[in-house]
Amino acid sequence: MKKHIRRIPNNLWKPYREDAEAASERADLLNYWPEEDRPEGAGPLRYVAIRIRKRQRELFADGSEFRCFVVASNQWDWEPKKLLEWHREKAGSIEALHDVLKSELSAG
């Protein structure tokens, strides 16, 4: 996957988020289909890559120029930025569900 991310041309990366230390960009990871084992009829997943660069062009502690992350989704209709924002908003919600199942509904 890293090789595919590195091949994304710079003109396809779009701004995503910024803070005091880093700027993040996002791009659809096109022509990447590793889902040979997906159930029949499930359809392909969409991969949206996130590239984080230090603001002052300094390197990360491991010497790399940027960090990359990928979100996999079956949602193809949304713009990449909307998909990533939705994904961040739902973070942590599954832990609350597990707590209720284990603590209140005896699923522990």
PDB file of N, CA and C in Angstrom:
ATOM      1  N   MET A   1       0.827  -1.185   0.000  1.00  0.00           N
ATOM      2  CA  MET A   1       0.000   0.000   0.000  1.00  0.00           C
ATOM      3  C   MET A   1       0.874   1.252   0.000  1.00  0.00           C
ATOM      4  N   LYS A   2       1.999   1.212   0.746  1.00  0.00           N
ATOM      5  CA  LYS A   2       2.883   2.378   0.785  1.00  0.00           C
ATOM      6  C   LYS A   2       3.384   2.748  -0.601  1.00  0.00           C
ATOM      7  N   LYS A   3       3.709   1.728  -1.404  1.00  0.00           N
ATOM      8  CA  LYS A   3       4.188   2.001  -2.764  1.00  0.00           C
ATOM      9  C   LYS A   3       3.126   2.732  -3.568  1.00  0.00           C
ATOM     10  N   HIS A   4       1.882   2.325  -3.421  1.00  0.00           N
ATOM     11  CA  HIS A   4       0.781   2.979  -4.143  1.00  0.00           C
ATOM     12  C   HIS A   4       0.603   4.424  -3.669  1.00  0.00           C
ATOM     13  N   ILE A   5       0.727   4.648  -2.376  1.00  0.00           N
ATOM     14  CA  ILE A   5       0.582   6.008  -1.842  1.00  0.00           C
ATOM     15  C   ILE A   5       1.690   6.908  -2.372  1.00  0.00           C
ATOM     16  N   ARG A   6       2.906   6.398  -2.413  1.00  0.00           N
ATOM     17  CA  ARG A   6       4.036   7.199  -2.906  1.00  0.00           C
ATOM     18  C   ARG A   6       3.896   7.552  -4.377  1.00  0.00           C
ATOM     19  N   ARG A   7       3.142   6.747  -5.121  1.00  0.00           N
ATOM     20  CA  ARG A   7       2.957   7.006  -6.561  1.00  0.00           C
ATOM     21  C   ARG A   7       1.860   8.038  -6.850  1.00  0.00           C
ATOM     22  N   ILE A   8       1.118   8.461  -5.846  1.00  0.00           N
ATOM     23  CA  ILE A   8       0.075   9.462  -6.088  1.00  0.00           C
ATOM     24  C   ILE A   8       0.754  10.784  -6.441  1.00  0.00           C
ATOM     25  N   PRO A   9       0.452  11.345  -7.591  1.00  0.00           N
ATOM     26  CA  PRO A   9       1.075  12.615  -7.987  1.00  0.00           C
ATOM     27  C   PRO A   9       0.699  13.739  -7.014  1.00  0.00           C
ATOM     28  N   ASN A  10       1.619  14.677  -6.829  1.00  0.00           N
ATOM     29  CA  ASN A  10       1.400  15.785  -5.896  1.00  0.00           C
ATOM     30  C   ASN A  10       0.148  16.589  -6.225  1.00  0.00           C
ATOM     31  N   ASN A  11      -0.209  16.692  -7.508  1.00  0.00           N
ATOM     32  CA  ASN A  11      -1.376  17.499  -7.880  1.00  0.00           C
ATOM     33  C   ASN A  11      -2.695  16.846  -7.448  1.00  0.00           C
ATOM     34  N   LEU A  12      -2.696  15.559  -7.066  1.00  0.00           N
ATOM     35  CA  LEU A  12      -3.927  14.898  -6.608  1.00  0.00           C
ATOM     36  C   LEU A  12      -4.140  15.019  -5.095  1.00  0.00           C
ATOM     37  N   TRP A  13      -3.112  15.435  -4.368  1.00  0.00           N
ATOM     38  CA  TRP A  13      -3.260  15.627  -2.929  1.00  0.00           C
ATOM     39  C   TRP A  13      -3.970  16.960  -2.669  1.00  0.00           C
ATOM     40  N   LYS A  14      -5.010  16.921  -1.843  1.00  0.00           N
ATOM     41  CA  LYS A  14      -5.788  18.122  -1.513  1.00  0.00           C
ATOM     42  C   LYS A  14      -5.688  18.392  -0.014  1.00  0.00           C
ATOM     43  N   PRO A  15      -5.784  19.656   0.410  1.00  0.00           N
ATOM     44  CA  PRO A  15      -5.708  19.973   1.843  1.00  0.00           C
ATOM     45  C   PRO A  15      -6.800  19.250   2.629  1.00  0.00           C
ATOM     46  N   TYR A  16      -6.437  18.794   3.817  1.00  0.00           N
ATOM     47  CA  TYR A  16      -7.400  18.123   4.682  1.00  0.00           C
ATOM     48  C   TYR A  16      -7.504  18.835   6.035  1.00  0.00           C
ATOM     49  N   ARG A  17      -6.427  18.881   6.797  1.00  0.00           N
ATOM     50  CA  ARG A  17      -6.432  19.522   8.117  1.00  0.00           C
ATOM     51  C   ARG A  17      -5.081  20.180   8.353  1.00  0.00           C
ATOM     52  N   GLU A  18      -5.065  21.187   9.227  1.00  0.00           N
ATOM     53  CA  GLU A  18      -3.816  21.839   9.601  1.00  0.00           C
ATOM     54  C   GLU A  18      -3.832  22.145  11.078  1.00  0.00           C
ATOM     55  N   ASP A  19      -2.652  22.095  11.701  1.00  0.00           N
ATOM     56  CA  ASP A  19      -2.493  22.574  13.063  1.00  0.00           C
ATOM     57  C   ASP A  19      -1.131  23.250  13.150  1.00  0.00           C
ATOM     58  N   ALA A  20      -0.700  23.599  14.348  1.00  0.00           N
ATOM     59  CA  ALA A  20       0.543  24.356  14.501  1.00  0.00           C
ATOM     60  C   ALA A  20       1.772  23.569  14.056  1.00  0.00           C
ATOM     61  N   GLU A  21       1.728  22.247  14.151  1.00  0.00           N
ATOM     62  CA  GLU A  21       2.905  21.446  13.860  1.00  0.00           C
ATOM     63  C   GLU A  21       2.907  20.772  12.489  1.00  0.00           C
ATOM     64  N   ALA A  22       1.731  20.474  11.956  1.00  0.00           N
ATOM     65  CA  ALA A  22       1.691  19.685  10.726  1.00  0.00           C
ATOM     66  C   ALA A  22       0.519  20.071   9.842  1.00  0.00           C
ATOM     67  N   ALA A  23       0.677  19.748   8.579  1.00  0.00           N
ATOM     68  CA  ALA A  23      -0.402  19.927   7.600  1.00  0.00           C
ATOM     69  C   ALA A  23      -0.731  18.556   7.024  1.00  0.00           C
ATOM     70  N   SER A  24      -2.010  18.267   6.905  1.00  0.00           N
ATOM     71  CA  SER A  24      -2.459  16.981   6.372  1.00  0.00           C
ATOM     72  C   SER A  24      -3.122  17.178   5.021  1.00  0.00           C
ATOM     73  N   GLU A  25      -2.881  16.235   4.139  1.00  0.00           N
ATOM     74  CA  GLU A  25      -3.500  16.231   2.819  1.00  0.00           C
ATOM     75  C   GLU A  25      -4.189  14.892   2.634  1.00  0.00           C
ATOM     76  N   ARG A  26      -5.135  14.832   1.708  1.00  0.00           N
ATOM     77  CA  ARG A  26      -5.862  13.591   1.440  1.00  0.00           C
ATOM     78  C   ARG A  26      -5.972  13.377  -0.058  1.00  0.00           C
ATOM     79  N   ALA A  27      -6.061  12.098  -0.408  1.00  0.00           N
ATOM     80  CA  ALA A  27      -6.215  11.723  -1.821  1.00  0.00           C
ATOM     81  C   ALA A  27      -6.826  10.333  -1.887  1.00  0.00           C
ATOM     82  N   ASP A  28      -7.643  10.103  -2.909  1.00  0.00           N
ATOM     83  CA  ASP A  28      -8.153   8.755  -3.140  1.00  0.00           C
ATOM     84  C   ASP A  28      -7.007   7.889  -3.633  1.00  0.00           C
ATOM     85  N   LEU A  29      -6.924   6.688  -3.095  1.00  0.00           N
ATOM     86  CA  LEU A  29      -5.912   5.730  -3.515  1.00  0.00           C
ATOM     87  C   LEU A  29      -6.511   4.919  -4.658  1.00  0.00           C
ATOM     88  N   LEU A  30      -6.214   5.342  -5.875  1.00  0.00           N
ATOM     89  CA  LEU A  30      -6.817   4.741  -7.057  1.00  0.00           C
ATOM     90  C   LEU A  30      -6.049   3.495  -7.492  1.00  0.00           C
ATOM     91  N   ASN A  31      -6.745   2.596  -8.130  1.00  0.00           N
ATOM     92  CA  ASN A  31      -6.150   1.372  -8.679  1.00  0.00           C
ATOM     93  C   ASN A  31      -5.473   0.512  -7.621  1.00  0.00           C
ATOM     94  N   TYR A  32      -6.041   0.461  -6.430  1.00  0.00           N
ATOM     95  CA  TYR A  32      -5.538  -0.397  -5.365  1.00  0.00           C
ATOM     96  C   TYR A  32      -6.689  -1.292  -4.927  1.00  0.00           C
ATOM     97  N   TRP A  33      -6.628  -2.562  -5.229  1.00  0.00           N
ATOM     98  CA  TRP A  33      -7.723  -3.497  -4.967  1.00  0.00           C
ATOM     99  C   TRP A  33      -7.200  -4.785  -4.335  1.00  0.00           C
ATOM    100  N   PRO A  34      -6.892  -4.803  -3.054  1.00  0.00           N
ATOM    101  CA  PRO A  34      -6.354  -6.020  -2.433  1.00  0.00           C
ATOM    102  C   PRO A  34      -7.421  -6.962  -1.882  1.00  0.00           C
ATOM    103  N   GLU A  35      -8.671  -6.796  -2.247  1.00  0.00           N
ATOM    104  CA  GLU A  35      -9.765  -7.531  -1.601  1.00  0.00           C
ATOM    105  C   GLU A  35     -10.153  -8.816  -2.314  1.00  0.00           C
ATOM    106  N   GLU A  36      -9.217  -9.641  -2.697  1.00  0.00           N
ATOM    107  CA  GLU A  36      -9.575 -10.878  -3.374  1.00  0.00           C
ATOM    108  C   GLU A  36     -10.479 -11.753  -2.508  1.00  0.00           C
ATOM    109  N   ASP A  37     -10.343 -11.657  -1.198  1.00  0.00           N
ATOM    110  CA  ASP A  37     -11.098 -12.516  -0.290  1.00  0.00           C
ATOM    111  C   ASP A  37     -12.418 -11.904   0.189  1.00  0.00           C
ATOM    112  N   ARG A  38     -12.811 -10.759  -0.346  1.00  0.00           N
ATOM    113  CA  ARG A  38     -14.081 -10.156   0.081  1.00  0.00           C
ATOM    114  C   ARG A  38     -15.241 -11.035  -0.366  1.00  0.00           C
ATOM    115  N   PRO A  39     -16.300 -11.101   0.443  1.00  0.00           N
ATOM    116  CA  PRO A  39     -17.461 -11.923   0.078  1.00  0.00           C
ATOM    117  C   PRO A  39     -18.043 -11.496  -1.269  1.00  0.00           C
ATOM    118  N   GLU A  40     -18.555 -12.442  -1.983  1.00  0.00           N
ATOM    119  CA  GLU A  40     -19.147 -12.156  -3.283  1.00  0.00           C
ATOM    120  C   GLU A  40     -20.322 -11.197  -3.126  1.00  0.00           C
ATOM    121  N   GLY A  41     -20.366 -10.178  -3.961  1.00  0.00           N
ATOM    122  CA  GLY A  41     -21.437  -9.195  -3.905  1.00  0.00           C
ATOM    123  C   GLY A  41     -21.183  -8.055  -2.937  1.00  0.00           C
ATOM    124  N   ALA A  42     -20.068  -8.103  -2.174  1.00  0.00           N
ATOM    125  CA  ALA A  42     -19.790  -7.044  -1.202  1.00  0.00           C
ATOM    126  C   ALA A  42     -19.318  -5.759  -1.875  1.00  0.00           C
ATOM    127  N   GLY A  43     -18.806  -5.850  -3.066  1.00  0.00           N
ATOM    128  CA  GLY A  43     -18.326  -4.667  -3.773  1.00  0.00           C
ATOM    129  C   GLY A  43     -16.951  -4.253  -3.289  1.00  0.00           C
ATOM    130  N   PRO A  44     -16.242  -3.473  -4.087  1.00  0.00           N
ATOM    131  CA  PRO A  44     -14.887  -3.057  -3.722  1.00  0.00           C
ATOM    132  C   PRO A  44     -14.893  -1.984  -2.640  1.00  0.00           C
ATOM    133  N   LEU A  45     -13.818  -1.931  -1.891  1.00  0.00           N
ATOM    134  CA  LEU A  45     -13.657  -0.871  -0.898  1.00  0.00           C
ATOM    135  C   LEU A  45     -12.977   0.328  -1.533  1.00  0.00           C
ATOM    136  N   ARG A  46     -13.248   1.474  -0.958  1.00  0.00           N
ATOM    137  CA  ARG A  46     -12.611   2.720  -1.371  1.00  0.00           C
ATOM    138  C   ARG A  46     -11.540   3.027  -0.333  1.00  0.00           C
ATOM    139  N   TYR A  47     -10.363   3.420  -0.791  1.00  0.00           N
ATOM    140  CA  TYR A  47      -9.269   3.756   0.106  1.00  0.00           C
ATOM    141  C   TYR A  47      -8.942   5.237  -0.049  1.00  0.00           C
ATOM    142  N   VAL A  48      -8.975   5.975   1.070  1.00  0.00           N
ATOM    143  CA  VAL A  48      -8.610   7.388   1.072  1.00  0.00           C
ATOM    144  C   VAL A  48      -7.341   7.519   1.909  1.00  0.00           C
ATOM    145  N   ALA A  49      -6.278   8.019   1.295  1.00  0.00           N
ATOM    146  CA  ALA A  49      -4.992   8.169   1.961  1.00  0.00           C
ATOM    147  C   ALA A  49      -4.894   9.544   2.610  1.00  0.00           C
ATOM    148  N   ILE A  50      -4.215   9.585   3.740  1.00  0.00           N
ATOM    149  CA  ILE A  50      -3.922  10.834   4.446  1.00  0.00           C
ATOM    150  C   ILE A  50      -2.406  10.936   4.553  1.00  0.00           C
ATOM    151  N   ARG A  51      -1.859  12.074   4.150  1.00  0.00           N
ATOM    152  CA  ARG A  51      -0.412  12.308   4.216  1.00  0.00           C
ATOM    153  C   ARG A  51      -0.176  13.485   5.156  1.00  0.00           C
ATOM    154  N   ILE A  52       0.614  13.275   6.178  1.00  0.00           N
ATOM    155  CA  ILE A  52       0.901  14.318   7.166  1.00  0.00           C
ATOM    156  C   ILE A  52       2.353  14.743   7.019  1.00  0.00           C
ATOM    157  N   ARG A  53       2.538  16.052   6.859  1.00  0.00           N
ATOM    158  CA  ARG A  53       3.888  16.633   6.739  1.00  0.00           C
ATOM    159  C   ARG A  53       4.101  17.630   7.866  1.00  0.00           C
ATOM    160  N   LYS A  54       5.313  17.653   8.400  1.00  0.00           N
ATOM    161  CA  LYS A  54       5.671  18.653   9.406  1.00  0.00           C
ATOM    162  C   LYS A  54       5.637  20.033   8.740  1.00  0.00           C
ATOM    163  N   ARG A  55       5.229  21.042   9.485  1.00  0.00           N
ATOM    164  CA  ARG A  55       5.088  22.395   8.934  1.00  0.00           C
ATOM    165  C   ARG A  55       6.390  22.990   8.423  1.00  0.00           C
ATOM    166  N   GLN A  56       7.454  22.849   9.165  1.00  0.00           N
ATOM    167  CA  GLN A  56       8.723  23.475   8.801  1.00  0.00           C
ATOM    168  C   GLN A  56       9.589  22.567   7.929  1.00  0.00           C
ATOM    169  N   ARG A  57       8.962  21.573   7.312  1.00  0.00           N
ATOM    170  CA  ARG A  57       9.657  20.618   6.438  1.00  0.00           C
ATOM    171  C   ARG A  57      10.726  19.829   7.201  1.00  0.00           C
ATOM    172  N   GLU A  58      10.595  19.782   8.525  1.00  0.00           N
ATOM    173  CA  GLU A  58      11.517  18.952   9.292  1.00  0.00           C
ATOM    174  C   GLU A  58      11.034  17.506   9.224  1.00  0.00           C
ATOM    175  N   LEU A  59      11.919  16.587   9.518  1.00  0.00           N
ATOM    176  CA  LEU A  59      11.600  15.183   9.416  1.00  0.00           C
ATOM    177  C   LEU A  59      10.993  14.663  10.721  1.00  0.00           C
ATOM    178  N   PHE A  60      10.261  13.562  10.620  1.00  0.00           N
ATOM    179  CA  PHE A  60       9.756  12.893  11.805  1.00  0.00           C
ATOM    180  C   PHE A  60      10.928  12.212  12.507  1.00  0.00           C
ATOM    181  N   ALA A  61      10.716  11.734  13.724  1.00  0.00           N
ATOM    182  CA  ALA A  61      11.786  11.139  14.523  1.00  0.00           C
ATOM    183  C   ALA A  61      12.469   9.963  13.819  1.00  0.00           C
ATOM    184  N   ASP A  62      11.725   9.243  12.995  1.00  0.00           N
ATOM    185  CA  ASP A  62      12.318   8.096  12.296  1.00  0.00           C
ATOM    186  C   ASP A  62      13.011   8.491  10.988  1.00  0.00           C
ATOM    187  N   GLY A  63      13.076   9.797  10.690  1.00  0.00           N
ATOM    188  CA  GLY A  63      13.747  10.281   9.489  1.00  0.00           C
ATOM    189  C   GLY A  63      12.870  10.383   8.259  1.00  0.00           C
ATOM    190  N   SER A  64      11.602  10.043   8.383  1.00  0.00           N
ATOM    191  CA  SER A  64      10.712  10.097   7.219  1.00  0.00           C
ATOM    192  C   SER A  64      10.196  11.517   6.987  1.00  0.00           C
ATOM    193  N   GLU A  65       9.910  11.805   5.731  1.00  0.00           N
ATOM    194  CA  GLU A  65       9.428  13.125   5.333  1.00  0.00           C
ATOM    195  C   GLU A  65       7.960  13.321   5.690  1.00  0.00           C
ATOM    196  N   PHE A  66       7.174  12.226   5.636  1.00  0.00           N
ATOM    197  CA  PHE A  66       5.758  12.315   5.969  1.00  0.00           C
ATOM    198  C   PHE A  66       5.270  11.001   6.545  1.00  0.00           C
ATOM    199  N   ARG A  67       4.096  11.048   7.166  1.00  0.00           N
ATOM    200  CA  ARG A  67       3.406   9.866   7.691  1.00  0.00           C
ATOM    201  C   ARG A  67       2.161   9.656   6.848  1.00  0.00           C
ATOM    202  N   CYS A  68       1.796   8.409   6.640  1.00  0.00           N
ATOM    203  CA  CYS A  68       0.604   8.106   5.860  1.00  0.00           C
ATOM    204  C   CYS A  68      -0.336   7.193   6.630  1.00  0.00           C
ATOM    205  N   PHE A  69      -1.613   7.425   6.440  1.00  0.00           N
ATOM    206  CA  PHE A  69      -2.665   6.605   7.007  1.00  0.00           C
ATOM    207  C   PHE A  69      -3.702   6.395   5.910  1.00  0.00           C
ATOM    208  N   VAL A  70      -4.498   5.335   6.037  1.00  0.00           N
ATOM    209  CA  VAL A  70      -5.520   5.063   5.042  1.00  0.00           C
ATOM    210  C   VAL A  70      -6.820   4.694   5.740  1.00  0.00           C
ATOM    211  N   VAL A  71      -7.926   5.206   5.220  1.00  0.00           N
ATOM    212  CA  VAL A  71      -9.261   4.832   5.682  1.00  0.00           C
ATOM    213  C   VAL A  71      -9.910   4.033   4.554  1.00  0.00           C
ATOM    214  N   ALA A  72     -10.401   2.845   4.912  1.00  0.00           N
ATOM    215  CA  ALA A  72     -11.110   2.003   3.948  1.00  0.00           C
ATOM    216  C   ALA A  72     -12.601   2.136   4.203  1.00  0.00           C
ATOM    217  N   SER A  73     -13.368   2.265   3.146  1.00  0.00           N
ATOM    218  CA  SER A  73     -14.809   2.465   3.287  1.00  0.00           C
ATOM    219  C   SER A  73     -15.536   1.878   2.086  1.00  0.00           C
ATOM    220  N   ASN A  74     -16.808   1.580   2.274  1.00  0.00           N
ATOM    221  CA  ASN A  74     -17.636   1.186   1.139  1.00  0.00           C
ATOM    222  C   ASN A  74     -18.498   2.364   0.676  1.00  0.00           C
ATOM    223  N   GLN A  75     -18.237   3.552   1.212  1.00  0.00           N
ATOM    224  CA  GLN A  75     -18.974   4.766   0.856  1.00  0.00           C
ATOM    225  C   GLN A  75     -18.253   5.458  -0.306  1.00  0.00           C
ATOM    226  N   TRP A  76     -18.846   5.403  -1.485  1.00  0.00           N
ATOM    227  CA  TRP A  76     -18.237   5.981  -2.681  1.00  0.00           C
ATOM    228  C   TRP A  76     -18.846   7.319  -3.071  1.00  0.00           C
ATOM    229  N   ASP A  77     -19.965   7.707  -2.480  1.00  0.00           N
ATOM    230  CA  ASP A  77     -20.684   8.904  -2.910  1.00  0.00           C
ATOM    231  C   ASP A  77     -20.147  10.197  -2.301  1.00  0.00           C
ATOM    232  N   TRP A  78     -19.520  10.113  -1.147  1.00  0.00           N
ATOM    233  CA  TRP A  78     -19.062  11.321  -0.456  1.00  0.00           C
ATOM    234  C   TRP A  78     -17.714  11.788  -0.962  1.00  0.00           C
ATOM    235  N   GLU A  79     -17.489  13.094  -0.828  1.00  0.00           N
ATOM    236  CA  GLU A  79     -16.167  13.658  -1.084  1.00  0.00           C
ATOM    237  C   GLU A  79     -15.209  13.083  -0.039  1.00  0.00           C
ATOM    238  N   PRO A  80     -13.928  12.935  -0.376  1.00  0.00           N
ATOM    239  CA  PRO A  80     -12.983  12.357   0.584  1.00  0.00           C
ATOM    240  C   PRO A  80     -12.943  13.088   1.925  1.00  0.00           C
ATOM    241  N   LYS A  81     -12.990  14.422   1.905  1.00  0.00           N
ATOM    242  CA  LYS A  81     -12.919  15.170   3.160  1.00  0.00           C
ATOM    243  C   LYS A  81     -14.125  14.865   4.051  1.00  0.00           C
ATOM    244  N   LYS A  82     -15.309  14.792   3.475  1.00  0.00           N
ATOM    245  CA  LYS A  82     -16.510  14.473   4.249  1.00  0.00           C
ATOM    246  C   LYS A  82     -16.412  13.065   4.843  1.00  0.00           C
ATOM    247  N   LEU A  83     -15.922  12.120   4.054  1.00  0.00           N
ATOM    248  CA  LEU A  83     -15.764  10.748   4.532  1.00  0.00           C
ATOM    249  C   LEU A  83     -14.796  10.692   5.713  1.00  0.00           C
ATOM    250  N   LEU A  84     -13.656  11.388   5.617  1.00  0.00           N
ATOM    251  CA  LEU A  84     -12.678  11.383   6.703  1.00  0.00           C
ATOM    252  C   LEU A  84     -13.217  12.055   7.958  1.00  0.00           C
ATOM    253  N   GLU A  85     -13.952  13.148   7.793  1.00  0.00           N
ATOM    254  CA  GLU A  85     -14.540  13.823   8.959  1.00  0.00           C
ATOM    255  C   GLU A  85     -15.565  12.929   9.644  1.00  0.00           C
ATOM    256  N   TRP A  86     -16.403  12.241   8.873  1.00  0.00           N
ATOM    257  CA  TRP A  86     -17.378  11.316   9.446  1.00  0.00           C
ATOM    258  C   TRP A  86     -16.666  10.192  10.194  1.00  0.00           C
ATOM    259  N   HIS A  87     -15.599   9.685   9.604  1.00  0.00           N
ATOM    260  CA  HIS A  87     -14.848   8.606  10.229  1.00  0.00           C
ATOM    261  C   HIS A  87     -14.268   9.051  11.582  1.00  0.00           C
ATOM    262  N   ARG A  88     -13.738  10.260  11.648  1.00  0.00           N
ATOM    263  CA  ARG A  88     -13.181  10.783  12.905  1.00  0.00           C
ATOM    264  C   ARG A  88     -14.274  11.002  13.948  1.00  0.00           C
ATOM    265  N   GLU A  89     -15.444  11.450  13.520  1.00  0.00           N
ATOM    266  CA  GLU A  89     -16.542  11.710  14.460  1.00  0.00           C
ATOM    267  C   GLU A  89     -17.027  10.440  15.146  1.00  0.00           C
ATOM    268  N   LYS A  90     -16.994   9.324  14.449  1.00  0.00           N
ATOM    269  CA  LYS A  90     -17.504   8.084  15.033  1.00  0.00           C
ATOM    270  C   LYS A  90     -16.463   7.367  15.893  1.00  0.00           C
ATOM    271  N   ALA A  91     -15.234   7.857  15.899  1.00  0.00           N
ATOM    272  CA  ALA A  91     -14.178   7.222  16.691  1.00  0.00           C
ATOM    273  C   ALA A  91     -14.573   7.186  18.162  1.00  0.00           C
ATOM    274  N   GLY A  92     -14.393   6.033  18.774  1.00  0.00           N
ATOM    275  CA  GLY A  92     -14.710   5.882  20.187  1.00  0.00           C
ATOM    276  C   GLY A  92     -16.106   5.383  20.470  1.00  0.00           C
ATOM    277  N   SER A  93     -16.992   5.426  19.487  1.00  0.00           N
ATOM    278  CA  SER A  93     -18.379   5.023  19.746  1.00  0.00           C
ATOM    279  C   SER A  93     -18.508   3.521  19.984  1.00  0.00           C
ATOM    280  N   ILE A  94     -17.659   2.711  19.370  1.00  0.00           N
ATOM    281  CA  ILE A  94     -17.761   1.266  19.542  1.00  0.00           C
ATOM    282  C   ILE A  94     -17.372   0.854  20.956  1.00  0.00           C
ATOM    283  N   GLU A  95     -16.433   1.584  21.581  1.00  0.00           N
ATOM    284  CA  GLU A  95     -16.044   1.265  22.949  1.00  0.00           C
ATOM    285  C   GLU A  95     -17.213   1.451  23.903  1.00  0.00           C
ATOM    286  N   ALA A  96     -17.996   2.489  23.708  1.00  0.00           N
ATOM    287  CA  ALA A  96     -19.171   2.712  24.550  1.00  0.00           C
ATOM    288  C   ALA A  96     -20.183   1.582  24.375  1.00  0.00           C
ATOM    289  N   LEU A  97     -20.371   1.122  23.154  1.00  0.00           N
ATOM    290  CA  LEU A  97     -21.276   0.011  22.892  1.00  0.00           C
ATOM    291  C   LEU A  97     -20.808  -1.256  23.597  1.00  0.00           C
ATOM    292  N   HIS A  98     -19.505  -1.543  23.509  1.00  0.00           N
ATOM    293  CA  HIS A  98     -18.964  -2.725  24.181  1.00  0.00           C
ATOM    294  C   HIS A  98     -19.149  -2.640  25.687  1.00  0.00           C
ATOM    295  N   ASP A  99     -18.977  -1.457  26.252  1.00  0.00           N
ATOM    296  CA  ASP A  99     -19.140  -1.274  27.698  1.00  0.00           C
ATOM    297  C   ASP A  99     -20.583  -1.596  28.114  1.00  0.00           C
ATOM    298  N   VAL A 100     -21.543  -1.103  27.374  1.00  0.00           N
ATOM    299  CA  VAL A 100     -22.963  -1.391  27.687  1.00  0.00           C
ATOM    300  C   VAL A 100     -23.225  -2.873  27.544  1.00  0.00           C
ATOM    301  N   LEU A 101     -22.755  -3.489  26.472  1.00  0.00           N
ATOM    302  CA  LEU A 101     -22.974  -4.934  26.289  1.00  0.00           C
ATOM    303  C   LEU A 101     -22.375  -5.740  27.444  1.00  0.00           C
ATOM    304  N   LYS A 102     -21.157  -5.414  27.835  1.00  0.00           N
ATOM    305  CA  LYS A 102     -20.479  -6.186  28.885  1.00  0.00           C
ATOM    306  C   LYS A 102     -21.018  -5.880  30.281  1.00  0.00           C
ATOM    307  N   SER A 103     -21.214  -4.609  30.568  1.00  0.00           N
ATOM    308  CA  SER A 103     -21.556  -4.212  31.939  1.00  0.00           C
ATOM    309  C   SER A 103     -23.048  -4.273  32.248  1.00  0.00           C
ATOM    310  N   GLU A 104     -23.867  -3.924  31.296  1.00  0.00           N
ATOM    311  CA  GLU A 104     -25.303  -3.827  31.574  1.00  0.00           C
ATOM    312  C   GLU A 104     -26.117  -4.979  31.016  1.00  0.00           C
ATOM    313  N   LEU A 105     -25.598  -5.660  30.001  1.00  0.00           N
ATOM    314  CA  LEU A 105     -26.380  -6.715  29.362  1.00  0.00           C
ATOM    315  C   LEU A 105     -25.737  -8.102  29.510  1.00  0.00           C
ATOM    316  N   SER A 106     -24.788  -8.232  30.421  1.00  0.00           N
ATOM    317  CA  SER A 106     -24.151  -9.502  30.760  1.00  0.00           C
ATOM    318  C   SER A 106     -23.515 -10.220  29.572  1.00  0.00           C
ATOM    319  N   ALA A 107     -22.945  -9.464  28.659  1.00  0.00           N
ATOM    320  CA  ALA A 107     -22.282 -10.085  27.515  1.00  0.00           C
ATOM    321  C   ALA A 107     -20.791 -10.272  27.782  1.00  0.00           C
ATOM    322  N   GLY A 108     -20.347  -9.961  28.990  1.00  0.00           N
ATOM    323  CA  GLY A 108     -18.923 -10.079  29.342  1.00  0.00           C
ATOM    324  C   GLY A 108     -18.519 -11.496  29.456  1.00  0.00           C
TER     325      GLY A 108
END
